[in-house]
Amino acid sequence: MSRTHVNFKADARAKDQFEAIVNQLGMTASTAYNLFINATIQRQGIPFDLALDPLTIPEVKTKVVAELKRRLDLEGDPNIRYLTLEESKREVLGL
């Protein structure tokens, strides 16, 4: 297997912290980079989830807050029957 050099820029402080962590794990930064590369190839994608927290998206947060307010407004409504956990198990799950 032939080898090549890879160069990229990283924040100096982050690089130092990264190297300290991987060294504590008993490997070099080069080994950790290779693990990342091979895991990416094996997964055919980044080997960890990349996602926004839905509540940081303004439209989603607005909808969630509106729904919470709607449900709080219904809390005292005598026409709504709230089930206990045991009632839910029996009625919904048939237990």
N, C-alpha and C. Protein backbone atom coordinates (compact mmCIF):
# COMPACT_ATOMS: atom_id res chain seq x y z
N MET A 1 0.85 -1.17 0.00
CA MET A 1 0.00 0.00 0.00
C MET A 1 0.89 1.23 0.00
N SER A 2 0.68 2.11 -0.96
CA SER A 2 1.48 3.33 -1.01
C SER A 2 0.91 4.35 -0.03
N ARG A 3 1.74 5.22 0.40
CA ARG A 3 1.36 6.26 1.37
C ARG A 3 1.52 7.63 0.72
N THR A 4 0.76 8.59 1.24
CA THR A 4 0.87 9.97 0.79
C THR A 4 0.75 10.89 1.99
N HIS A 5 1.22 12.09 1.83
CA HIS A 5 1.08 13.09 2.89
C HIS A 5 -0.19 13.89 2.64
N VAL A 6 -0.88 14.21 3.73
CA VAL A 6 -2.09 15.02 3.66
C VAL A 6 -1.85 16.24 4.52
N ASN A 7 -2.10 17.41 3.98
CA ASN A 7 -1.95 18.65 4.73
C ASN A 7 -3.28 19.37 4.79
N PHE A 8 -3.63 19.86 5.97
CA PHE A 8 -4.82 20.69 6.11
C PHE A 8 -4.61 21.63 7.27
N LYS A 9 -5.40 22.67 7.29
CA LYS A 9 -5.28 23.68 8.35
C LYS A 9 -6.26 23.35 9.47
N ALA A 10 -5.81 23.57 10.70
CA ALA A 10 -6.65 23.38 11.87
C ALA A 10 -6.30 24.45 12.89
N ASP A 11 -7.25 24.76 13.73
CA ASP A 11 -7.00 25.68 14.82
C ASP A 11 -5.90 25.09 15.70
N ALA A 12 -4.88 25.88 16.03
CA ALA A 12 -3.73 25.37 16.77
C ALA A 12 -4.13 24.80 18.12
N ARG A 13 -5.00 25.48 18.83
CA ARG A 13 -5.43 25.00 20.14
C ARG A 13 -6.20 23.69 20.02
N ALA A 14 -7.09 23.60 19.04
CA ALA A 14 -7.87 22.39 18.82
C ALA A 14 -6.94 21.23 18.45
N LYS A 15 -5.94 21.50 17.62
CA LYS A 15 -4.97 20.46 17.23
C LYS A 15 -4.23 19.94 18.45
N ASP A 16 -3.80 20.84 19.32
CA ASP A 16 -3.09 20.42 20.52
C ASP A 16 -3.98 19.59 21.43
N GLN A 17 -5.24 20.01 21.60
CA GLN A 17 -6.18 19.26 22.43
C GLN A 17 -6.45 17.88 21.83
N PHE A 18 -6.63 17.85 20.52
CA PHE A 18 -6.86 16.59 19.80
C PHE A 18 -5.69 15.64 20.02
N GLU A 19 -4.48 16.14 19.81
CA GLU A 19 -3.31 15.29 19.97
C GLU A 19 -3.17 14.79 21.41
N ALA A 20 -3.47 15.62 22.38
CA ALA A 20 -3.40 15.20 23.78
C ALA A 20 -4.39 14.06 24.05
N ILE A 21 -5.58 14.17 23.50
CA ILE A 21 -6.60 13.13 23.71
C ILE A 21 -6.19 11.83 23.04
N VAL A 22 -5.81 11.90 21.76
CA VAL A 22 -5.46 10.65 21.07
C VAL A 22 -4.20 10.03 21.67
N ASN A 23 -3.28 10.84 22.16
CA ASN A 23 -2.10 10.30 22.83
C ASN A 23 -2.50 9.54 24.10
N GLN A 24 -3.47 10.08 24.85
CA GLN A 24 -3.96 9.38 26.03
C GLN A 24 -4.64 8.07 25.67
N LEU A 25 -5.17 8.01 24.46
CA LEU A 25 -5.79 6.77 23.97
C LEU A 25 -4.76 5.81 23.41
N GLY A 26 -3.49 6.22 23.44
CA GLY A 26 -2.41 5.34 23.00
C GLY A 26 -2.14 5.35 21.51
N MET A 27 -2.50 6.42 20.85
CA MET A 27 -2.25 6.50 19.40
C MET A 27 -1.72 7.87 19.03
N THR A 28 -1.21 7.95 17.84
CA THR A 28 -0.73 9.23 17.32
C THR A 28 -1.88 9.93 16.59
N ALA A 29 -1.68 11.19 16.31
CA ALA A 29 -2.67 11.93 15.53
C ALA A 29 -2.81 11.28 14.15
N SER A 30 -1.70 10.85 13.59
CA SER A 30 -1.73 10.20 12.27
C SER A 30 -2.62 8.95 12.29
N THR A 31 -2.50 8.15 13.34
CA THR A 31 -3.33 6.96 13.48
C THR A 31 -4.80 7.35 13.57
N ALA A 32 -5.11 8.38 14.35
CA ALA A 32 -6.49 8.84 14.50
C ALA A 32 -7.05 9.35 13.17
N TYR A 33 -6.25 10.09 12.42
CA TYR A 33 -6.69 10.57 11.11
C TYR A 33 -6.99 9.39 10.20
N ASN A 34 -6.13 8.38 10.23
CA ASN A 34 -6.35 7.20 9.39
C ASN A 34 -7.60 6.44 9.82
N LEU A 35 -7.86 6.37 11.12
CA LEU A 35 -9.10 5.74 11.59
C LEU A 35 -10.31 6.48 11.02
N PHE A 36 -10.25 7.81 11.07
CA PHE A 36 -11.35 8.62 10.54
C PHE A 36 -11.53 8.37 9.04
N ILE A 37 -10.43 8.38 8.30
CA ILE A 37 -10.49 8.16 6.85
C ILE A 37 -11.09 6.79 6.54
N ASN A 38 -10.61 5.74 7.22
CA ASN A 38 -11.09 4.39 6.95
C ASN A 38 -12.54 4.20 7.38
N ALA A 39 -12.94 4.82 8.49
CA ALA A 39 -14.33 4.73 8.92
C ALA A 39 -15.25 5.45 7.93
N THR A 40 -14.79 6.56 7.38
CA THR A 40 -15.56 7.29 6.37
C THR A 40 -15.75 6.44 5.12
N ILE A 41 -14.69 5.77 4.71
CA ILE A 41 -14.78 4.90 3.54
C ILE A 41 -15.74 3.75 3.80
N GLN A 42 -15.59 3.11 4.97
CA GLN A 42 -16.43 1.96 5.31
C GLN A 42 -17.91 2.36 5.38
N ARG A 43 -18.19 3.50 5.98
CA ARG A 43 -19.57 3.95 6.14
C ARG A 43 -20.11 4.61 4.87
N GLN A 44 -19.22 5.02 4.00
CA GLN A 44 -19.60 5.80 2.82
C GLN A 44 -20.24 7.11 3.24
N GLY A 45 -19.68 7.69 4.28
CA GLY A 45 -20.16 8.96 4.81
C GLY A 45 -19.37 9.29 6.06
N ILE A 46 -19.60 10.45 6.60
CA ILE A 46 -18.93 10.87 7.83
C ILE A 46 -19.33 9.89 8.94
N PRO A 47 -18.37 9.39 9.71
CA PRO A 47 -18.68 8.33 10.69
C PRO A 47 -19.30 8.83 12.00
N PHE A 48 -19.99 9.92 11.95
CA PHE A 48 -20.76 10.40 13.09
C PHE A 48 -21.86 11.27 12.54
N ASP A 49 -22.92 11.44 13.33
CA ASP A 49 -24.06 12.21 12.86
C ASP A 49 -23.73 13.69 12.78
N LEU A 50 -24.12 14.30 11.69
CA LEU A 50 -24.03 15.75 11.51
C LEU A 50 -25.45 16.26 11.40
N ALA A 51 -25.89 16.97 12.43
CA ALA A 51 -27.27 17.43 12.42
C ALA A 51 -27.40 18.70 13.25
N LEU A 52 -28.35 19.51 12.84
CA LEU A 52 -28.69 20.68 13.64
C LEU A 52 -29.66 20.26 14.72
N ASP A 53 -29.55 20.84 15.88
CA ASP A 53 -30.56 20.64 16.92
C ASP A 53 -31.82 21.29 16.38
N PRO A 54 -32.90 20.54 16.24
CA PRO A 54 -34.13 21.11 15.65
C PRO A 54 -34.58 22.38 16.36
N LEU A 55 -34.34 22.48 17.66
CA LEU A 55 -34.80 23.67 18.37
C LEU A 55 -33.93 24.90 18.10
N THR A 56 -32.86 24.73 17.34
CA THR A 56 -32.08 25.90 16.94
C THR A 56 -32.58 26.45 15.60
N ILE A 57 -33.49 25.72 14.96
CA ILE A 57 -34.07 26.17 13.70
C ILE A 57 -35.32 26.99 14.06
N PRO A 58 -35.31 28.29 13.75
CA PRO A 58 -36.40 29.18 14.20
C PRO A 58 -37.80 28.68 13.87
N GLU A 59 -38.02 28.14 12.67
CA GLU A 59 -39.37 27.70 12.28
C GLU A 59 -39.84 26.55 13.17
N VAL A 60 -38.94 25.62 13.45
CA VAL A 60 -39.30 24.47 14.28
C VAL A 60 -39.56 24.94 15.71
N LYS A 61 -38.68 25.79 16.22
CA LYS A 61 -38.84 26.27 17.58
C LYS A 61 -40.18 27.00 17.73
N THR A 62 -40.55 27.81 16.75
CA THR A 62 -41.82 28.54 16.80
C THR A 62 -42.99 27.57 16.86
N LYS A 63 -42.95 26.51 16.05
CA LYS A 63 -44.03 25.52 16.04
C LYS A 63 -44.10 24.76 17.36
N VAL A 64 -42.94 24.39 17.92
CA VAL A 64 -42.92 23.66 19.18
C VAL A 64 -43.49 24.51 20.30
N VAL A 65 -43.07 25.77 20.37
CA VAL A 65 -43.56 26.67 21.41
C VAL A 65 -45.07 26.88 21.26
N ALA A 66 -45.54 27.06 20.04
CA ALA A 66 -46.97 27.25 19.80
C ALA A 66 -47.76 26.02 20.25
N GLU A 67 -47.26 24.83 19.94
CA GLU A 67 -47.95 23.60 20.34
C GLU A 67 -47.95 23.43 21.85
N LEU A 68 -46.85 23.75 22.50
CA LEU A 68 -46.81 23.68 23.96
C LEU A 68 -47.82 24.64 24.58
N LYS A 69 -47.90 25.85 24.06
CA LYS A 69 -48.88 26.82 24.56
C LYS A 69 -50.30 26.32 24.35
N ARG A 70 -50.56 25.74 23.16
CA ARG A 70 -51.90 25.21 22.86
C ARG A 70 -52.27 24.12 23.86
N ARG A 71 -51.34 23.25 24.14
CA ARG A 71 -51.62 22.15 25.08
C ARG A 71 -51.80 22.66 26.51
N LEU A 72 -51.02 23.66 26.88
CA LEU A 72 -51.19 24.24 28.22
C LEU A 72 -52.56 24.91 28.35
N ASP A 73 -53.02 25.55 27.28
CA ASP A 73 -54.33 26.19 27.29
C ASP A 73 -55.45 25.16 27.47
N LEU A 74 -55.23 23.93 26.99
CA LEU A 74 -56.24 22.88 27.08
C LEU A 74 -56.22 22.15 28.42
N GLU A 75 -55.21 22.42 29.22
CA GLU A 75 -54.99 21.66 30.44
C GLU A 75 -56.21 21.62 31.36
N GLY A 76 -56.92 22.72 31.49
CA GLY A 76 -58.07 22.74 32.39
C GLY A 76 -59.40 22.43 31.72
N ASP A 77 -59.39 22.08 30.45
CA ASP A 77 -60.63 21.84 29.70
C ASP A 77 -61.33 20.58 30.23
N PRO A 78 -62.57 20.72 30.73
CA PRO A 78 -63.29 19.56 31.29
C PRO A 78 -63.70 18.55 30.22
N ASN A 79 -63.66 18.93 28.95
CA ASN A 79 -64.05 18.02 27.86
C ASN A 79 -62.91 17.08 27.44
N ILE A 80 -61.75 17.30 28.01
CA ILE A 80 -60.61 16.46 27.66
C ILE A 80 -60.37 15.46 28.79
N ARG A 81 -60.28 14.21 28.43
CA ARG A 81 -60.04 13.16 29.41
C ARG A 81 -58.57 12.78 29.38
N TYR A 82 -57.91 12.93 30.50
CA TYR A 82 -56.50 12.56 30.60
C TYR A 82 -56.40 11.17 31.20
N LEU A 83 -55.56 10.34 30.61
CA LEU A 83 -55.39 8.98 31.09
C LEU A 83 -54.21 8.88 32.04
N THR A 84 -54.36 8.02 33.04
CA THR A 84 -53.21 7.71 33.89
C THR A 84 -52.31 6.77 33.10
N LEU A 85 -51.14 6.51 33.61
CA LEU A 85 -50.23 5.59 32.94
C LEU A 85 -50.86 4.20 32.82
N GLU A 86 -51.48 3.75 33.88
CA GLU A 86 -52.12 2.43 33.85
C GLU A 86 -53.27 2.40 32.83
N GLU A 87 -54.08 3.44 32.79
CA GLU A 87 -55.17 3.52 31.81
C GLU A 87 -54.62 3.52 30.39
N SER A 88 -53.53 4.23 30.18
CA SER A 88 -52.91 4.28 28.86
C SER A 88 -52.44 2.90 28.43
N LYS A 89 -51.81 2.19 29.35
CA LYS A 89 -51.34 0.83 29.03
C LYS A 89 -52.50 -0.05 28.61
N ARG A 90 -53.60 0.02 29.38
CA ARG A 90 -54.76 -0.83 29.07
C ARG A 90 -55.43 -0.41 27.76
N GLU A 91 -55.66 0.90 27.63
CA GLU A 91 -56.44 1.39 26.50
C GLU A 91 -55.64 1.44 25.20
N VAL A 92 -54.42 1.90 25.28
CA VAL A 92 -53.61 2.09 24.06
C VAL A 92 -52.85 0.83 23.70
N LEU A 93 -52.26 0.19 24.69
CA LEU A 93 -51.40 -0.96 24.41
C LEU A 93 -52.11 -2.29 24.62
N GLY A 94 -53.30 -2.26 25.21
CA GLY A 94 -54.03 -3.49 25.44
C GLY A 94 -53.42 -4.35 26.54
N LEU A 95 -52.70 -3.73 27.45
CA LEU A 95 -52.07 -4.50 28.54
C LEU A 95 -52.94 -4.57 29.77
